[in-house]
Amino acid sequence: MEDNNQVKVEKILRLPSWIKFPVSKASEFEKIQTLIKKSDIHTICEEGRCPNRAECYASGTATFLLGGSICSRACAFCQVSKGKPSEINKYESIQVAKTVKILNLKYVVLTSVARDDLPDHGANLFVSAINEIRKKDPNIQIEVLTPDLWGGGKSFEDKNKLQKERLEMILDKKPICFNHNLETVERLQKCVRRGASYENSLSLLKKAKSIAPNIQTKSGLMLGLGETLDEIETTILDLKKVECDQITIGQYLRPSLKHLSVRKYWKPKEFEYLERFCKKLSFKKVSCGPLVRSSYHAG
């Protein structure tokens, strides 16, 4: 007879041998980490607990997180804190630009938490940061990694129009690359990306290419959430249909027991297959591997 009080124990997969985290000098890691904390700014490297952050810090690079450290959405894979977003720091863009100058960066990635609470959904955060960085050095190359910029209107047409207007604000600043991640296949969107949708994200990438054909577009996928190879290939083809130029594909690593569990660790040979699949489709840049992340070696 089955015990109704029995608690179902979740199966936790052991980290495979082929996932090896990069090692770097602790002194360099701490130096960059201390600078970021003193500057009262945030990076997705820290807030997202990126496995590559030690390596990136050691080389003097970081991906800056705009809009504070609390996201208005609650994606089930993400380490960034969720809840009521903090007040906007009106000096944030100046502080980011100052840090970029101190680090002597030549290629900067700007991303943000979702700010559905703001009328422009955070578009001006990118505009202000780009303006301040270029005041320091107009030759710095800037990549943006944005939320979907969707919402705020009463109808689908309103939301679509607002998304385009917000996007135009950012693209008008001519970043070298516009990045927005699909994160996962269409079937898993609702449980993985709460508040976002596959269609809205593809729409954003398509609009970006239409508005600014000369700006490279980019998107990324995480594997290990329960997707199939056929679904991954379909997603890659969908990105190609909206003329996405660059793609990153990496392994999802569970940040904590509160987050979605890993359903599968994809093998290096499987990543190699997907890299060949993408290259056959003529993506301009393809990065595939267990520890590949959206902004890893972006420059």
Protein backbone atom coordinates (compact mmCIF):
# COMPACT_ATOMS: atom_id res chain seq x y z
CA MET A 1 0.00 0.00 0.00
CA GLU A 2 1.34 3.43 -0.97
CA ASP A 3 2.18 5.83 1.85
CA ASN A 4 0.38 9.11 1.07
CA ASN A 5 2.65 10.95 3.50
CA GLN A 6 5.77 9.93 1.65
CA VAL A 7 7.74 12.94 0.43
CA LYS A 8 8.97 12.74 -3.14
CA VAL A 9 12.72 13.25 -3.19
CA GLU A 10 14.03 15.21 -6.16
CA LYS A 11 16.79 13.56 -8.11
CA ILE A 12 19.82 15.84 -8.28
CA LEU A 13 22.24 15.11 -11.10
CA ARG A 14 25.93 15.00 -10.27
CA LEU A 15 28.09 17.59 -12.03
CA PRO A 16 29.86 15.76 -14.87
CA SER A 17 33.62 15.59 -15.26
CA TRP A 18 33.68 17.69 -18.44
CA ILE A 19 32.42 20.82 -16.65
CA LYS A 20 35.59 22.40 -15.29
CA PHE A 21 35.57 25.97 -14.01
CA PRO A 22 38.40 28.30 -15.04
CA VAL A 23 41.02 29.16 -12.43
CA SER A 24 42.52 32.64 -12.02
CA LYS A 25 44.59 34.65 -9.60
CA ALA A 26 42.62 35.42 -6.43
CA SER A 27 44.31 38.84 -6.12
CA GLU A 28 43.02 40.00 -9.52
CA PHE A 29 39.55 38.64 -8.80
CA GLU A 30 39.35 40.49 -5.49
CA LYS A 31 40.68 43.73 -6.96
CA ILE A 32 37.94 43.97 -9.58
CA GLN A 33 35.27 42.73 -7.17
CA THR A 34 36.24 45.40 -4.61
CA LEU A 35 36.21 48.16 -7.23
CA ILE A 36 32.70 47.22 -8.37
CA LYS A 37 31.36 47.18 -4.81
CA LYS A 38 32.97 50.52 -3.94
CA SER A 39 31.50 52.09 -7.08
CA ASP A 40 27.96 51.20 -5.93
CA ILE A 41 27.14 49.52 -9.23
CA HIS A 42 26.12 45.98 -10.16
CA THR A 43 27.31 43.38 -12.61
CA ILE A 44 25.49 40.35 -13.94
CA CYS A 45 28.76 38.53 -13.24
CA GLU A 46 28.06 38.83 -9.49
CA GLU A 47 24.27 38.99 -9.37
CA GLY A 48 23.95 36.02 -11.74
CA ARG A 49 26.82 34.08 -10.10
CA CYS A 50 28.40 33.53 -13.52
CA PRO A 51 30.83 30.57 -13.48
CA ASN A 52 33.27 32.57 -15.62
CA ARG A 53 33.43 35.70 -13.48
CA ALA A 54 36.84 34.92 -11.96
CA GLU A 55 38.31 34.54 -15.43
CA CYS A 56 36.65 37.72 -16.71
CA TYR A 57 37.67 39.78 -13.68
CA ALA A 58 41.24 38.55 -14.02
CA SER A 59 41.29 39.90 -17.58
CA GLY A 60 39.74 43.19 -16.42
CA THR A 61 36.29 42.77 -17.95
CA ALA A 62 32.71 42.78 -16.64
CA THR A 63 29.11 42.98 -17.82
CA PHE A 64 27.35 45.85 -16.10
CA LEU A 65 23.83 45.39 -14.71
CA LEU A 66 21.69 48.52 -14.95
CA GLY A 67 18.54 49.37 -13.01
CA GLY A 68 19.66 48.05 -9.64
CA SER A 69 19.94 44.46 -8.45
CA ILE A 70 16.25 43.53 -8.04
CA CYS A 71 14.28 42.31 -11.06
CA SER A 72 10.56 42.91 -11.58
CA ARG A 73 10.20 39.40 -13.04
CA ALA A 74 10.78 36.01 -11.46
CA CYS A 75 12.46 33.80 -14.03
CA ALA A 76 12.89 30.34 -12.55
CA PHE A 77 16.49 29.87 -13.70
CA CYS A 78 17.99 33.20 -12.68
CA GLN A 79 20.03 34.02 -9.58
CA VAL A 80 19.23 37.75 -9.68
CA SER A 81 17.00 38.85 -6.78
CA LYS A 82 13.28 39.20 -7.53
CA GLY A 83 10.72 41.54 -6.03
CA LYS A 84 9.89 45.22 -5.92
CA PRO A 85 12.70 47.00 -7.80
CA SER A 86 14.76 49.60 -6.00
CA GLU A 87 14.68 53.33 -6.64
CA ILE A 88 16.60 54.32 -9.74
CA ASN A 89 20.10 55.53 -8.91
CA LYS A 90 20.36 58.75 -10.91
CA TYR A 91 24.16 58.54 -10.79
CA GLU A 92 24.34 54.94 -12.00
CA SER A 93 25.37 55.71 -15.58
CA ILE A 94 28.12 58.07 -14.37
CA GLN A 95 29.41 55.45 -11.92
CA VAL A 96 29.42 52.76 -14.63
CA ALA A 97 31.31 55.04 -17.03
CA LYS A 98 33.87 55.88 -14.35
CA THR A 99 34.44 52.18 -13.63
CA VAL A 100 34.80 51.42 -17.35
CA LYS A 101 37.49 54.10 -17.55
CA ILE A 102 39.36 52.79 -14.49
CA LEU A 103 39.31 49.26 -15.91
CA ASN A 104 40.48 50.63 -19.26
CA LEU A 105 37.89 48.58 -21.11
CA LYS A 106 37.63 48.74 -24.90
CA TYR A 107 34.54 46.55 -25.20
CA VAL A 108 31.66 46.94 -22.74
CA VAL A 109 28.50 44.88 -22.30
CA LEU A 110 25.48 46.60 -20.73
CA THR A 111 22.53 44.59 -19.49
CA SER A 112 19.74 45.29 -17.00
CA VAL A 113 17.19 43.76 -14.71
CA ALA A 114 13.63 43.84 -16.07
CA ARG A 115 12.03 47.14 -15.03
CA ASP A 116 8.37 46.64 -15.94
CA ASP A 117 7.59 49.27 -13.31
CA LEU A 118 9.08 52.07 -15.43
CA PRO A 119 7.16 53.77 -18.28
CA ASP A 120 9.99 53.04 -20.74
CA HIS A 121 10.74 49.61 -19.20
CA GLY A 122 14.32 50.71 -18.63
CA ALA A 123 15.27 51.81 -22.16
CA ASN A 124 16.67 55.10 -20.88
CA LEU A 125 19.01 53.22 -18.54
CA PHE A 126 20.86 51.96 -21.61
CA VAL A 127 20.75 55.35 -23.35
CA SER A 128 22.19 57.17 -20.33
CA ALA A 129 24.94 54.60 -19.74
CA ILE A 130 26.01 54.66 -23.40
CA ASN A 131 26.10 58.48 -23.37
CA GLU A 132 28.24 58.63 -20.22
CA ILE A 133 30.66 55.92 -21.41
CA ARG A 134 31.19 57.72 -24.70
CA LYS A 135 31.93 60.94 -22.86
CA LYS A 136 34.87 59.10 -21.33
CA ASP A 137 35.95 57.49 -24.59
CA PRO A 138 33.93 57.66 -27.83
CA ASN A 139 35.90 54.73 -29.26
CA ILE A 140 34.72 52.18 -26.69
CA GLN A 141 32.60 49.48 -28.35
CA ILE A 142 29.33 48.82 -26.54
CA GLU A 143 27.10 45.75 -26.70
CA VAL A 144 23.64 45.84 -25.13
CA LEU A 145 21.77 42.84 -23.70
CA THR A 146 18.21 43.97 -23.05
CA PRO A 147 14.99 42.56 -21.57
CA ASP A 148 12.10 42.17 -24.06
CA LEU A 149 10.88 45.79 -23.51
CA TRP A 150 7.31 44.45 -23.82
CA GLY A 151 4.21 45.69 -22.06
CA GLY A 152 2.51 48.81 -20.80
CA GLY A 153 -0.22 49.20 -23.41
CA LYS A 154 -3.88 48.19 -23.25
CA SER A 155 -3.86 46.19 -26.48
CA PHE A 156 -1.43 44.00 -28.41
CA GLU A 157 -1.00 46.83 -30.93
CA ASP A 158 -0.13 49.27 -28.12
CA LYS A 159 2.43 46.89 -26.61
CA ASN A 160 3.96 46.22 -30.02
CA LYS A 161 4.28 49.94 -30.73
CA LEU A 162 5.79 50.68 -27.32
CA GLN A 163 8.32 47.86 -27.72
CA LYS A 164 9.42 49.35 -31.05
CA GLU A 165 9.72 52.86 -29.59
CA ARG A 166 11.83 51.67 -26.65
CA LEU A 167 14.02 49.65 -28.97
CA GLU A 168 14.53 52.63 -31.28
CA MET A 169 15.76 54.71 -28.33
CA ILE A 170 18.53 52.20 -27.67
CA LEU A 171 19.47 51.45 -31.28
CA ASP A 172 19.67 55.18 -32.02
CA LYS A 173 22.82 55.14 -29.84
CA LYS A 174 24.40 52.69 -32.32
CA PRO A 175 25.70 49.91 -30.06
CA ILE A 176 28.00 47.49 -31.90
CA CYS A 177 25.71 44.56 -31.01
CA PHE A 178 22.11 44.17 -29.86
CA ASN A 179 21.59 41.06 -27.74
CA HIS A 180 18.39 39.55 -26.38
CA ASN A 181 18.24 35.96 -25.14
CA LEU A 182 15.49 33.47 -25.94
CA GLU A 183 17.00 31.38 -23.11
CA THR A 184 15.09 28.18 -23.96
CA VAL A 185 12.86 26.45 -26.48
CA GLU A 186 9.26 27.50 -27.09
CA ARG A 187 7.64 24.67 -25.07
CA LEU A 188 9.54 25.58 -21.88
CA GLN A 189 9.15 29.37 -22.01
CA LYS A 190 6.36 29.70 -19.42
CA CYS A 191 8.06 27.70 -16.69
CA VAL A 192 11.53 29.14 -17.37
CA ARG A 193 10.91 32.80 -18.32
CA ARG A 194 7.99 34.07 -16.28
CA GLY A 195 6.50 37.21 -17.80
CA ALA A 196 8.26 36.75 -21.14
CA SER A 197 7.30 34.90 -24.30
CA TYR A 198 8.96 33.25 -27.26
CA GLU A 199 6.97 35.35 -29.76
CA ASN A 200 7.73 38.68 -28.07
CA SER A 201 11.44 37.92 -27.94
CA LEU A 202 11.61 36.90 -31.60
CA SER A 203 9.61 40.02 -32.43
CA LEU A 204 12.17 42.19 -30.62
CA LEU A 205 15.09 40.66 -32.55
CA LYS A 206 13.23 41.01 -35.84
CA LYS A 207 12.43 44.67 -35.11
CA ALA A 208 16.07 45.35 -34.20
CA LYS A 209 17.29 44.07 -37.55
CA SER A 210 14.58 46.00 -39.38
CA ILE A 211 15.35 49.27 -37.56
CA ALA A 212 19.13 49.01 -37.75
CA PRO A 213 20.26 46.46 -40.38
CA ASN A 214 23.94 47.27 -39.83
CA ILE A 215 23.88 46.44 -36.10
CA GLN A 216 24.65 42.82 -35.31
CA THR A 217 21.90 40.96 -33.43
CA LYS A 218 22.57 38.14 -31.01
CA SER A 219 20.68 35.64 -28.85
CA GLY A 220 21.47 32.83 -26.44
CA LEU A 221 20.11 29.48 -25.27
CA MET A 222 20.59 27.41 -22.10
CA LEU A 223 20.49 23.64 -22.37
CA GLY A 224 19.56 21.12 -19.70
CA LEU A 225 16.03 22.19 -18.79
CA GLY A 226 14.26 19.32 -20.54
CA GLU A 227 14.46 20.38 -24.18
CA THR A 228 15.00 17.92 -27.02
CA LEU A 229 17.50 18.15 -29.85
CA ASP A 230 14.68 18.70 -32.36
CA GLU A 231 13.38 21.61 -30.27
CA ILE A 232 16.84 23.17 -30.08
CA GLU A 233 17.27 22.92 -33.84
CA THR A 234 13.83 24.47 -34.38
CA THR A 235 14.75 27.36 -32.06
CA ILE A 236 18.02 27.96 -33.91
CA LEU A 237 16.12 27.98 -37.22
CA ASP A 238 13.61 30.47 -35.77
CA LEU A 239 16.49 32.77 -34.82
CA LYS A 240 17.87 32.50 -38.32
CA LYS A 241 14.44 33.43 -39.76
CA VAL A 242 14.57 36.78 -37.90
CA GLU A 243 18.10 37.34 -39.27
CA CYS A 244 19.89 36.90 -35.95
CA ASP A 245 23.65 37.23 -36.61
CA GLN A 246 25.22 35.65 -33.52
CA ILE A 247 24.25 32.82 -31.19
CA THR A 248 25.52 31.47 -27.86
CA ILE A 249 24.60 28.06 -26.47
CA GLY A 250 25.63 26.91 -22.98
CA GLN A 251 24.71 24.50 -20.21
CA TYR A 252 22.24 25.58 -17.53
CA LEU A 253 23.77 25.27 -14.06
CA ARG A 254 21.34 25.39 -11.15
CA PRO A 255 22.13 28.37 -8.87
CA SER A 256 20.37 26.89 -5.81
CA LEU A 257 17.78 24.32 -4.74
CA LYS A 258 15.12 27.04 -5.13
CA HIS A 259 15.73 27.18 -8.87
CA LEU A 260 14.79 24.81 -11.69
CA SER A 261 16.65 21.53 -11.56
CA VAL A 262 19.01 20.37 -14.28
CA ARG A 263 17.31 17.68 -16.34
CA LYS A 264 20.36 16.81 -18.41
CA TYR A 265 24.03 17.75 -18.77
CA TRP A 266 24.66 17.96 -22.49
CA LYS A 267 27.95 16.42 -23.58
CA PRO A 268 30.81 18.25 -25.34
CA LYS A 269 30.18 16.25 -28.52
CA GLU A 270 26.57 17.43 -28.51
CA PHE A 271 27.69 21.04 -28.21
CA GLU A 272 30.12 20.43 -31.09
CA TYR A 273 27.24 19.10 -33.19
CA LEU A 274 25.14 22.20 -32.44
CA GLU A 275 28.05 24.46 -33.31
CA ARG A 276 28.37 22.77 -36.70
CA PHE A 277 24.58 23.01 -37.16
CA CYS A 278 24.68 26.78 -36.52
CA LYS A 279 27.69 27.35 -38.77
CA LYS A 280 25.97 25.56 -41.64
CA LEU A 281 23.20 28.14 -41.29
CA SER A 282 25.85 30.89 -41.70
CA PHE A 283 25.53 32.64 -38.34
CA LYS A 284 28.32 35.22 -38.24
CA LYS A 285 29.50 34.15 -34.79
CA VAL A 286 28.75 30.92 -32.95
CA SER A 287 29.80 30.10 -29.37
CA CYS A 288 28.82 26.65 -28.04
CA GLY A 289 30.04 24.87 -24.94
CA PRO A 290 29.07 23.92 -21.36
CA LEU A 291 30.35 27.16 -19.81
CA VAL A 292 29.46 29.50 -22.67
CA ARG A 293 27.37 32.43 -21.49
CA SER A 294 25.73 35.28 -23.37
CA SER A 295 28.46 37.83 -22.67
CA TYR A 296 31.44 35.50 -22.32
CA HIS A 297 34.33 36.78 -24.50
CA ALA A 298 31.79 39.05 -26.15
CA GLY A 299 34.43 41.38 -27.55
